[in-house]
Amino acid sequence: DDLTLLRRALLINVGLGRTKVALPLAKRLVAAKDGNPVALTLLAAD
């Protein structure tokens, strides 16, 4: 549940093109009302 870890893991996995791994991380960040732009844009695109 560490938001710092979730943010960093999201960005690294998106940067690697691992969107299947990044999607659940994005959902967890949004559920925590983090407002991360990459997470929200990934979820919107998906």
All heavy atoms as atom14 arrays in JSON, in Angstrom:
{
  "sequence": "DDLTLLRRALLINVGLGRTKVALPLAKRLVAAKDGNPVALTLLAAD",
  "atom14_mask": [
    [1, 1, 1, 1, 1, 1, 1, 1, 0, 0, 0, 0, 0, 0],
    [1, 1, 1, 1, 1, 1, 1, 1, 0, 0, 0, 0, 0, 0],
    [1, 1, 1, 1, 1, 1, 1, 1, 0, 0, 0, 0, 0, 0],
    [1, 1, 1, 1, 1, 1, 1, 0, 0, 0, 0, 0, 0, 0],
    [1, 1, 1, 1, 1, 1, 1, 1, 0, 0, 0, 0, 0, 0],
    [1, 1, 1, 1, 1, 1, 1, 1, 0, 0, 0, 0, 0, 0],
    [1, 1, 1, 1, 1, 1, 1, 1, 1, 1, 1, 0, 0, 0],
    [1, 1, 1, 1, 1, 1, 1, 1, 1, 1, 1, 0, 0, 0],
    [1, 1, 1, 1, 1, 0, 0, 0, 0, 0, 0, 0, 0, 0],
    [1, 1, 1, 1, 1, 1, 1, 1, 0, 0, 0, 0, 0, 0],
    [1, 1, 1, 1, 1, 1, 1, 1, 0, 0, 0, 0, 0, 0],
    [1, 1, 1, 1, 1, 1, 1, 1, 0, 0, 0, 0, 0, 0],
    [1, 1, 1, 1, 1, 1, 1, 1, 0, 0, 0, 0, 0, 0],
    [1, 1, 1, 1, 1, 1, 1, 0, 0, 0, 0, 0, 0, 0],
    [1, 1, 1, 1, 0, 0, 0, 0, 0, 0, 0, 0, 0, 0],
    [1, 1, 1, 1, 1, 1, 1, 1, 0, 0, 0, 0, 0, 0],
    [1, 1, 1, 1, 0, 0, 0, 0, 0, 0, 0, 0, 0, 0],
    [1, 1, 1, 1, 1, 1, 1, 1, 1, 1, 1, 0, 0, 0],
    [1, 1, 1, 1, 1, 1, 1, 0, 0, 0, 0, 0, 0, 0],
    [1, 1, 1, 1, 1, 1, 1, 1, 1, 0, 0, 0, 0, 0],
    [1, 1, 1, 1, 1, 1, 1, 0, 0, 0, 0, 0, 0, 0],
    [1, 1, 1, 1, 1, 0, 0, 0, 0, 0, 0, 0, 0, 0],
    [1, 1, 1, 1, 1, 1, 1, 1, 0, 0, 0, 0, 0, 0],
    [1, 1, 1, 1, 1, 1, 1, 0, 0, 0, 0, 0, 0, 0],
    [1, 1, 1, 1, 1, 1, 1, 1, 0, 0, 0, 0, 0, 0],
    [1, 1, 1, 1, 1, 0, 0, 0, 0, 0, 0, 0, 0, 0],
    [1, 1, 1, 1, 1, 1, 1, 1, 1, 0, 0, 0, 0, 0],
    [1, 1, 1, 1, 1, 1, 1, 1, 1, 1, 1, 0, 0, 0],
    [1, 1, 1, 1, 1, 1, 1, 1, 0, 0, 0, 0, 0, 0],
    [1, 1, 1, 1, 1, 1, 1, 0, 0, 0, 0, 0, 0, 0],
    [1, 1, 1, 1, 1, 0, 0, 0, 0, 0, 0, 0, 0, 0],
    [1, 1, 1, 1, 1, 0, 0, 0, 0, 0, 0, 0, 0, 0],
    [1, 1, 1, 1, 1, 1, 1, 1, 1, 0, 0, 0, 0, 0],
    [1, 1, 1, 1, 1, 1, 1, 1, 0, 0, 0, 0, 0, 0],
    [1, 1, 1, 1, 0, 0, 0, 0, 0, 0, 0, 0, 0, 0],
    [1, 1, 1, 1, 1, 1, 1, 1, 0, 0, 0, 0, 0, 0],
    [1, 1, 1, 1, 1, 1, 1, 0, 0, 0, 0, 0, 0, 0],
    [1, 1, 1, 1, 1, 1, 1, 0, 0, 0, 0, 0, 0, 0],
    [1, 1, 1, 1, 1, 0, 0, 0, 0, 0, 0, 0, 0, 0],
    [1, 1, 1, 1, 1, 1, 1, 1, 0, 0, 0, 0, 0, 0],
    [1, 1, 1, 1, 1, 1, 1, 0, 0, 0, 0, 0, 0, 0],
    [1, 1, 1, 1, 1, 1, 1, 1, 0, 0, 0, 0, 0, 0],
    [1, 1, 1, 1, 1, 1, 1, 1, 0, 0, 0, 0, 0, 0],
    [1, 1, 1, 1, 1, 0, 0, 0, 0, 0, 0, 0, 0, 0],
    [1, 1, 1, 1, 1, 0, 0, 0, 0, 0, 0, 0, 0, 0],
    [1, 1, 1, 1, 1, 1, 1, 1, 0, 0, 0, 0, 0, 0]
  ],
  "atom14_positions": [
    [[0.8, -1.23, 0.0], [0.0, 0.0, 0.0], [0.83, 1.27, 0.0], [0.27, 2.36, 0.1], [-0.94, 0.01, 1.22], [-1.92, -1.15, 1.19], [-2.41, -1.46, 0.09], [-2.18, -1.74, 2.25], [0.0, 0.0, 0.0], [0.0, 0.0, 0.0], [0.0, 0.0, 0.0], [0.0, 0.0, 0.0], [0.0, 0.0, 0.0], [0.0, 0.0, 0.0]],
    [[2.14, 1.13, -0.12], [3.01, 2.3, -0.1], [2.86, 3.05, -1.41], [3.22, 2.54, -2.48], [4.47, 1.87, 0.12], [5.4, 3.05, 0.29], [5.59, 3.8, -0.69], [5.93, 3.22, 1.4], [0.0, 0.0, 0.0], [0.0, 0.0, 0.0], [0.0, 0.0, 0.0], [0.0, 0.0, 0.0], [0.0, 0.0, 0.0], [0.0, 0.0, 0.0]],
    [[2.35, 4.28, -1.36], [2.07, 5.03, -2.59], [3.33, 5.4, -3.34], [3.34, 5.44, -4.58], [1.27, 6.29, -2.26], [-0.15, 6.05, -1.73], [-0.85, 7.38, -1.47], [-0.96, 5.22, -2.72], [0.0, 0.0, 0.0], [0.0, 0.0, 0.0], [0.0, 0.0, 0.0], [0.0, 0.0, 0.0], [0.0, 0.0, 0.0], [0.0, 0.0, 0.0]],
    [[4.42, 5.67, -2.62], [5.68, 6.0, -3.29], [6.15, 4.82, -4.13], [6.57, 4.97, -5.29], [6.75, 6.39, -2.28], [6.31, 7.54, -1.55], [8.07, 6.7, -2.96], [0.0, 0.0, 0.0], [0.0, 0.0, 0.0], [0.0, 0.0, 0.0], [0.0, 0.0, 0.0], [0.0, 0.0, 0.0], [0.0, 0.0, 0.0], [0.0, 0.0, 0.0]],
    [[6.08, 3.61, -3.55], [6.47, 2.41, -4.29], [5.55, 2.18, -5.48], [6.0, 1.84, -6.57], [6.42, 1.19, -3.36], [7.5, 1.08, -2.28], [7.24, -0.15, -1.41], [8.89, 1.02, -2.88], [0.0, 0.0, 0.0], [0.0, 0.0, 0.0], [0.0, 0.0, 0.0], [0.0, 0.0, 0.0], [0.0, 0.0, 0.0], [0.0, 0.0, 0.0]],
    [[4.24, 2.37, -5.28], [3.29, 2.15, -6.35], [3.54, 3.11, -7.52], [3.5, 2.71, -8.69], [1.86, 2.31, -5.84], [1.29, 1.14, -5.04], [-0.02, 1.56, -4.37], [1.05, -0.06, -5.95], [0.0, 0.0, 0.0], [0.0, 0.0, 0.0], [0.0, 0.0, 0.0], [0.0, 0.0, 0.0], [0.0, 0.0, 0.0], [0.0, 0.0, 0.0]],
    [[3.79, 4.39, -7.18], [4.05, 5.37, -8.25], [5.28, 4.99, -9.04], [5.28, 5.0, -10.28], [4.22, 6.76, -7.65], [2.96, 7.39, -7.11], [3.21, 8.83, -6.7], [2.31, 9.23, -5.65], [2.64, 9.39, -4.37], [3.89, 9.21, -3.98], [1.73, 9.74, -3.48], [0.0, 0.0, 0.0], [0.0, 0.0, 0.0], [0.0, 0.0, 0.0]],
    [[6.35, 4.69, -8.33], [7.6, 4.37, -9.02], [7.46, 3.1, -9.85], [7.91, 3.04, -11.01], [8.74, 4.21, -8.01], [10.11, 4.02, -8.67], [11.2, 3.92, -7.61], [11.45, 5.21, -7.0], [12.29, 6.12, -7.49], [12.92, 5.9, -8.62], [12.49, 7.24, -6.86], [0.0, 0.0, 0.0], [0.0, 0.0, 0.0], [0.0, 0.0, 0.0]],
    [[6.79, 2.09, -9.29], [6.61, 0.84, -10.03], [5.74, 1.06, -11.27], [6.01, 0.5, -12.34], [5.98, -0.22, -9.13], [0.0, 0.0, 0.0], [0.0, 0.0, 0.0], [0.0, 0.0, 0.0], [0.0, 0.0, 0.0], [0.0, 0.0, 0.0], [0.0, 0.0, 0.0], [0.0, 0.0, 0.0], [0.0, 0.0, 0.0], [0.0, 0.0, 0.0]],
    [[4.72, 1.9, -11.14], [3.87, 2.21, -12.29], [4.69, 2.83, -13.41], [4.64, 2.39, -14.57], [2.76, 3.16, -11.88], [1.95, 3.75, -13.06], [0.95, 2.73, -13.57], [1.26, 5.04, -12.66], [0.0, 0.0, 0.0], [0.0, 0.0, 0.0], [0.0, 0.0, 0.0], [0.0, 0.0, 0.0], [0.0, 0.0, 0.0], [0.0, 0.0, 0.0]],
    [[5.45, 3.87, -13.09], [6.19, 4.6, -14.11], [7.25, 3.74, -14.77], [7.44, 3.79, -15.99], [6.81, 5.86, -13.51], [5.81, 6.86, -12.91], [6.54, 8.04, -12.29], [4.83, 7.34, -13.96], [0.0, 0.0, 0.0], [0.0, 0.0, 0.0], [0.0, 0.0, 0.0], [0.0, 0.0, 0.0], [0.0, 0.0, 0.0], [0.0, 0.0, 0.0]],
    [[7.94, 2.93, -13.98], [8.97, 2.06, -14.53], [8.35, 1.04, -15.49], [8.85, 0.81, -16.6], [9.73, 1.34, -13.41], [10.59, 2.32, -12.61], [10.6, 0.22, -13.97], [11.79, 2.84, -13.34], [0.0, 0.0, 0.0], [0.0, 0.0, 0.0], [0.0, 0.0, 0.0], [0.0, 0.0, 0.0], [0.0, 0.0, 0.0], [0.0, 0.0, 0.0]],
    [[7.23, 0.42, -15.08], [6.61, -0.6, -15.92], [6.0, -0.01, -17.18], [6.06, -0.62, -18.25], [5.58, -1.39, -15.11], [6.23, -2.45, -14.24], [6.72, -3.46, -14.73], [6.25, -2.22, -12.94], [0.0, 0.0, 0.0], [0.0, 0.0, 0.0], [0.0, 0.0, 0.0], [0.0, 0.0, 0.0], [0.0, 0.0, 0.0], [0.0, 0.0, 0.0]],
    [[5.4, 1.18, -17.09], [4.91, 1.84, -18.3], [6.08, 2.14, -19.23], [6.01, 1.92, -20.44], [4.13, 3.12, -17.95], [3.83, 3.93, -19.22], [2.82, 2.78, -17.24], [0.0, 0.0, 0.0], [0.0, 0.0, 0.0], [0.0, 0.0, 0.0], [0.0, 0.0, 0.0], [0.0, 0.0, 0.0], [0.0, 0.0, 0.0], [0.0, 0.0, 0.0]],
    [[7.17, 2.66, -18.66], [8.34, 2.97, -19.47], [8.92, 1.75, -20.18], [9.5, 1.87, -21.26], [0.0, 0.0, 0.0], [0.0, 0.0, 0.0], [0.0, 0.0, 0.0], [0.0, 0.0, 0.0], [0.0, 0.0, 0.0], [0.0, 0.0, 0.0], [0.0, 0.0, 0.0], [0.0, 0.0, 0.0], [0.0, 0.0, 0.0], [0.0, 0.0, 0.0]],
    [[8.74, 0.58, -19.59], [9.21, -0.67, -20.21], [8.21, -1.22, -21.21], [8.49, -2.21, -21.9], [9.47, -1.72, -19.13], [10.71, -1.52, -18.26], [10.67, -2.46, -17.05], [11.99, -1.75, -19.06], [0.0, 0.0, 0.0], [0.0, 0.0, 0.0], [0.0, 0.0, 0.0], [0.0, 0.0, 0.0], [0.0, 0.0, 0.0], [0.0, 0.0, 0.0]],
    [[7.03, -0.6, -21.28], [5.99, -1.14, -22.15], [5.22, -2.28, -21.53], [4.46, -2.97, -22.22], [0.0, 0.0, 0.0], [0.0, 0.0, 0.0], [0.0, 0.0, 0.0], [0.0, 0.0, 0.0], [0.0, 0.0, 0.0], [0.0, 0.0, 0.0], [0.0, 0.0, 0.0], [0.0, 0.0, 0.0], [0.0, 0.0, 0.0], [0.0, 0.0, 0.0]],
    [[5.36, -2.47, -20.22], [4.65, -3.55, -19.53], [3.3, -3.04, -19.03], [3.04, -2.96, -17.83], [5.48, -4.05, -18.34], [6.8, -4.69, -18.69], [7.54, -5.07, -17.4], [8.76, -5.79, -17.62], [9.56, -6.23, -16.63], [9.24, -5.97, -15.36], [10.66, -6.89, -16.9], [0.0, 0.0, 0.0], [0.0, 0.0, 0.0], [0.0, 0.0, 0.0]],
    [[2.41, -2.72, -19.95], [1.15, -2.11, -19.53], [0.25, -3.1, -18.8], [-0.56, -2.7, -17.96], [0.42, -1.51, -20.73], [0.37, -2.48, -21.79], [1.12, -0.26, -21.23], [0.0, 0.0, 0.0], [0.0, 0.0, 0.0], [0.0, 0.0, 0.0], [0.0, 0.0, 0.0], [0.0, 0.0, 0.0], [0.0, 0.0, 0.0], [0.0, 0.0, 0.0]],
    [[0.38, -4.38, -19.09], [-0.43, -5.36, -18.36], [-0.04, -5.41, -16.88], [-0.89, -5.61, -16.01], [-0.27, -6.75, -18.99], [-0.97, -6.89, -20.33], [-0.87, -8.31, -20.86], [-1.61, -8.45, -22.19], [-1.52, -9.83, -22.74], [0.0, 0.0, 0.0], [0.0, 0.0, 0.0], [0.0, 0.0, 0.0], [0.0, 0.0, 0.0], [0.0, 0.0, 0.0]],
    [[1.23, -5.22, -16.61], [1.69, -5.15, -15.22], [1.29, -3.81, -14.61], [0.92, -3.73, -13.43], [3.23, -5.33, -15.15], [3.74, -5.17, -13.72], [3.62, -6.7, -15.7], [0.0, 0.0, 0.0], [0.0, 0.0, 0.0], [0.0, 0.0, 0.0], [0.0, 0.0, 0.0], [0.0, 0.0, 0.0], [0.0, 0.0, 0.0], [0.0, 0.0, 0.0]],
    [[1.35, -2.75, -15.42], [1.09, -1.4, -14.9], [-0.39, -1.16, -14.59], [-0.71, -0.37, -13.7], [1.58, -0.37, -15.91], [0.0, 0.0, 0.0], [0.0, 0.0, 0.0], [0.0, 0.0, 0.0], [0.0, 0.0, 0.0], [0.0, 0.0, 0.0], [0.0, 0.0, 0.0], [0.0, 0.0, 0.0], [0.0, 0.0, 0.0], [0.0, 0.0, 0.0]],
    [[-1.29, -1.81, -15.32], [-2.72, -1.54, -15.14], [-3.21, -1.77, -13.71], [-3.87, -0.9, -13.13], [-3.55, -2.36, -16.13], [-3.69, -1.74, -17.52], [-4.2, -2.77, -18.52], [-4.64, -0.54, -17.46], [0.0, 0.0, 0.0], [0.0, 0.0, 0.0], [0.0, 0.0, 0.0], [0.0, 0.0, 0.0], [0.0, 0.0, 0.0], [0.0, 0.0, 0.0]],
    [[-2.91, -2.92, -13.08], [-3.36, -3.07, -11.69], [-2.71, -2.07, -10.73], [-3.33, -1.66, -9.75], [-2.99, -4.52, -11.34], [-2.03, -4.96, -12.39], [-2.33, -4.17, -13.61], [0.0, 0.0, 0.0], [0.0, 0.0, 0.0], [0.0, 0.0, 0.0], [0.0, 0.0, 0.0], [0.0, 0.0, 0.0], [0.0, 0.0, 0.0], [0.0, 0.0, 0.0]],
    [[-1.47, -1.67, -11.02], [-0.83, -0.64, -10.19], [-1.56, 0.68, -10.34], [-1.78, 1.4, -9.35], [0.64, -0.48, -10.61], [1.54, -1.72, -10.48], [2.91, -1.44, -11.1], [1.69, -2.13, -9.02], [0.0, 0.0, 0.0], [0.0, 0.0, 0.0], [0.0, 0.0, 0.0], [0.0, 0.0, 0.0], [0.0, 0.0, 0.0], [0.0, 0.0, 0.0]],
    [[-1.96, 1.01, -11.57], [-2.71, 2.24, -11.81], [-4.04, 2.22, -11.06], [-4.46, 3.23, -10.47], [-2.94, 2.42, -13.31], [0.0, 0.0, 0.0], [0.0, 0.0, 0.0], [0.0, 0.0, 0.0], [0.0, 0.0, 0.0], [0.0, 0.0, 0.0], [0.0, 0.0, 0.0], [0.0, 0.0, 0.0], [0.0, 0.0, 0.0], [0.0, 0.0, 0.0]],
    [[-4.72, 1.1, -11.08], [-6.0, 0.98, -10.39], [-5.84, 1.17, -8.89], [-6.68, 1.81, -8.24], [-6.63, -0.37, -10.7], [-7.1, -0.51, -12.13], [-7.62, -1.91, -12.43], [-8.04, -2.05, -13.89], [-8.48, -3.43, -14.22], [0.0, 0.0, 0.0], [0.0, 0.0, 0.0], [0.0, 0.0, 0.0], [0.0, 0.0, 0.0], [0.0, 0.0, 0.0]],
    [[-4.76, 0.63, -8.33], [-4.53, 0.79, -6.9], [-4.24, 2.24, -6.54], [-4.7, 2.75, -5.51], [-3.37, -0.13, -6.46], [-3.78, -1.59, -6.43], [-2.61, -2.54, -6.52], [-1.73, -2.47, -5.38], [-0.59, -3.16, -5.27], [-0.22, -3.98, -6.27], [0.16, -3.06, -4.2], [0.0, 0.0, 0.0], [0.0, 0.0, 0.0], [0.0, 0.0, 0.0]],
    [[-3.49, 2.94, -7.4], [-3.21, 4.34, -7.14], [-4.49, 5.19, -7.22], [-4.73, 6.06, -6.38], [-2.18, 4.87, -8.14], [-0.72, 4.51, -7.86], [0.15, 4.84, -9.06], [-0.21, 5.26, -6.63], [0.0, 0.0, 0.0], [0.0, 0.0, 0.0], [0.0, 0.0, 0.0], [0.0, 0.0, 0.0], [0.0, 0.0, 0.0], [0.0, 0.0, 0.0]],
    [[-5.3, 4.93, -8.23], [-6.53, 5.69, -8.38], [-7.48, 5.4, -7.23], [-8.15, 6.31, -6.72], [-7.17, 5.39, -9.75], [-8.56, 6.0, -9.84], [-6.28, 5.92, -10.87], [0.0, 0.0, 0.0], [0.0, 0.0, 0.0], [0.0, 0.0, 0.0], [0.0, 0.0, 0.0], [0.0, 0.0, 0.0], [0.0, 0.0, 0.0], [0.0, 0.0, 0.0]],
    [[-7.54, 4.15, -6.8], [-8.4, 3.8, -5.66], [-7.97, 4.53, -4.4], [-8.8, 4.86, -3.54], [-8.37, 2.29, -5.43], [0.0, 0.0, 0.0], [0.0, 0.0, 0.0], [0.0, 0.0, 0.0], [0.0, 0.0, 0.0], [0.0, 0.0, 0.0], [0.0, 0.0, 0.0], [0.0, 0.0, 0.0], [0.0, 0.0, 0.0], [0.0, 0.0, 0.0]],
    [[-6.67, 4.81, -4.3], [-6.14, 5.56, -3.14], [-6.25, 7.06, -3.34], [-5.72, 7.83, -2.54], [-4.69, 5.17, -2.9], [0.0, 0.0, 0.0], [0.0, 0.0, 0.0], [0.0, 0.0, 0.0], [0.0, 0.0, 0.0], [0.0, 0.0, 0.0], [0.0, 0.0, 0.0], [0.0, 0.0, 0.0], [0.0, 0.0, 0.0], [0.0, 0.0, 0.0]],
    [[-6.94, 7.47, -4.45], [-7.14, 8.89, -4.77], [-5.81, 9.62, -4.91], [-5.65, 10.76, -4.46], [-8.04, 9.57, -3.73], [-9.41, 8.91, -3.61], [-10.34, 9.72, -2.74], [-11.68, 9.01, -2.55], [-12.35, 8.68, -3.83], [0.0, 0.0, 0.0], [0.0, 0.0, 0.0], [0.0, 0.0, 0.0], [0.0, 0.0, 0.0], [0.0, 0.0, 0.0]],
    [[-4.85, 8.94, -5.54], [-3.52, 9.53, -5.7], [-3.49, 10.59, -6.79], [-2.71, 11.53, -6.72], [-2.5, 8.42, -6.02], [-1.09, 8.94, -6.15], [-0.51, 9.36, -5.13], [-0.57, 8.98, -7.29], [0.0, 0.0, 0.0], [0.0, 0.0, 0.0], [0.0, 0.0, 0.0], [0.0, 0.0, 0.0], [0.0, 0.0, 0.0], [0.0, 0.0, 0.0]],
    [[-4.3, 10.44, -7.83], [-4.35, 11.43, -8.9], [-3.16, 11.44, -9.82], [-2.88, 12.44, -10.49], [0.0, 0.0, 0.0], [0.0, 0.0, 0.0], [0.0, 0.0, 0.0], [0.0, 0.0, 0.0], [0.0, 0.0, 0.0], [0.0, 0.0, 0.0], [0.0, 0.0, 0.0], [0.0, 0.0, 0.0], [0.0, 0.0, 0.0], [0.0, 0.0, 0.0]],
    [[-2.43, 10.31, -9.89], [-1.26, 10.25, -10.76], [-1.68, 10.37, -12.23], [-2.51, 9.59, -12.71], [-0.53, 8.92, -10.54], [0.74, 8.82, -11.34], [0.71, 8.53, -12.52], [1.87, 9.06, -10.69], [0.0, 0.0, 0.0], [0.0, 0.0, 0.0], [0.0, 0.0, 0.0], [0.0, 0.0, 0.0], [0.0, 0.0, 0.0], [0.0, 0.0, 0.0]],
    [[-1.14, 11.34, -12.99], [-1.59, 11.55, -14.38], [-1.35, 10.36, -15.29], [-2.17, 10.07, -16.16], [-0.78, 12.77, -14.84], [-0.31, 13.43, -13.59], [-0.16, 12.36, -12.57], [0.0, 0.0, 0.0], [0.0, 0.0, 0.0], [0.0, 0.0, 0.0], [0.0, 0.0, 0.0], [0.0, 0.0, 0.0], [0.0, 0.0, 0.0], [0.0, 0.0, 0.0]],
    [[-0.24, 9.67, -15.12], [0.05, 8.52, -15.97], [-0.94, 7.39, -15.66], [-1.45, 6.73, -16.57], [1.5, 8.04, -15.78], [1.77, 6.78, -16.59], [2.48, 9.14, -16.2], [0.0, 0.0, 0.0], [0.0, 0.0, 0.0], [0.0, 0.0, 0.0], [0.0, 0.0, 0.0], [0.0, 0.0, 0.0], [0.0, 0.0, 0.0], [0.0, 0.0, 0.0]],
    [[-1.21, 7.17, -14.37], [-2.18, 6.14, -13.99], [-3.55, 6.43, -14.59], [-4.21, 5.55, -15.17], [-2.28, 6.05, -12.47], [0.0, 0.0, 0.0], [0.0, 0.0, 0.0], [0.0, 0.0, 0.0], [0.0, 0.0, 0.0], [0.0, 0.0, 0.0], [0.0, 0.0, 0.0], [0.0, 0.0, 0.0], [0.0, 0.0, 0.0], [0.0, 0.0, 0.0]],
    [[-4.01, 7.66, -14.47], [-5.33, 8.03, -14.96], [-5.41, 7.94, -16.48], [-6.4, 7.46, -17.04], [-5.68, 9.44, -14.49], [-5.95, 9.57, -12.99], [-5.92, 11.03, -12.56], [-7.3, 8.95, -12.63], [0.0, 0.0, 0.0], [0.0, 0.0, 0.0], [0.0, 0.0, 0.0], [0.0, 0.0, 0.0], [0.0, 0.0, 0.0], [0.0, 0.0, 0.0]],
    [[-4.35, 8.37, -17.17], [-4.36, 8.32, -18.63], [-4.3, 6.88, -19.12], [-4.97, 6.52, -20.1], [-3.19, 9.13, -19.2], [-3.22, 10.46, -18.68], [-3.26, 9.2, -20.71], [0.0, 0.0, 0.0], [0.0, 0.0, 0.0], [0.0, 0.0, 0.0], [0.0, 0.0, 0.0], [0.0, 0.0, 0.0], [0.0, 0.0, 0.0], [0.0, 0.0, 0.0]],
    [[-3.52, 6.04, -18.45], [-3.48, 4.62, -18.82], [-4.85, 3.97, -18.67], [-5.32, 3.24, -19.55], [-2.45, 3.89, -17.96], [-2.4, 2.36, -18.12], [-2.09, 1.96, -19.56], [-1.36, 1.76, -17.16], [0.0, 0.0, 0.0], [0.0, 0.0, 0.0], [0.0, 0.0, 0.0], [0.0, 0.0, 0.0], [0.0, 0.0, 0.0], [0.0, 0.0, 0.0]],
    [[-5.52, 4.25, -17.56], [-6.85, 3.67, -17.34], [-7.85, 4.19, -18.36], [-8.71, 3.45, -18.84], [-7.32, 3.97, -15.91], [-6.54, 3.27, -14.79], [-7.08, 3.69, -13.43], [-6.61, 1.76, -14.94], [0.0, 0.0, 0.0], [0.0, 0.0, 0.0], [0.0, 0.0, 0.0], [0.0, 0.0, 0.0], [0.0, 0.0, 0.0], [0.0, 0.0, 0.0]],
    [[-7.74, 5.47, -18.69], [-8.64, 6.04, -19.71], [-8.4, 5.39, -21.07], [-9.36, 5.02, -21.77], [-8.44, 7.54, -19.8], [0.0, 0.0, 0.0], [0.0, 0.0, 0.0], [0.0, 0.0, 0.0], [0.0, 0.0, 0.0], [0.0, 0.0, 0.0], [0.0, 0.0, 0.0], [0.0, 0.0, 0.0], [0.0, 0.0, 0.0], [0.0, 0.0, 0.0]],
    [[-7.15, 5.24, -21.44], [-6.82, 4.63, -22.74], [-7.29, 3.18, -22.78], [-7.84, 2.72, -23.8], [-5.32, 4.71, -22.99], [0.0, 0.0, 0.0], [0.0, 0.0, 0.0], [0.0, 0.0, 0.0], [0.0, 0.0, 0.0], [0.0, 0.0, 0.0], [0.0, 0.0, 0.0], [0.0, 0.0, 0.0], [0.0, 0.0, 0.0], [0.0, 0.0, 0.0]],
    [[-7.09, 2.47, -21.7], [-7.51, 1.07, -21.65], [-9.04, 0.96, -21.74], [-9.56, 0.06, -22.39], [-7.0, 0.42, -20.37], [-7.01, -1.1, -20.45], [-6.31, -1.65, -21.33], [-7.74, -1.74, -19.66], [0.0, 0.0, 0.0], [0.0, 0.0, 0.0], [0.0, 0.0, 0.0], [0.0, 0.0, 0.0], [0.0, 0.0, 0.0], [0.0, 0.0, 0.0]]
  ]
}
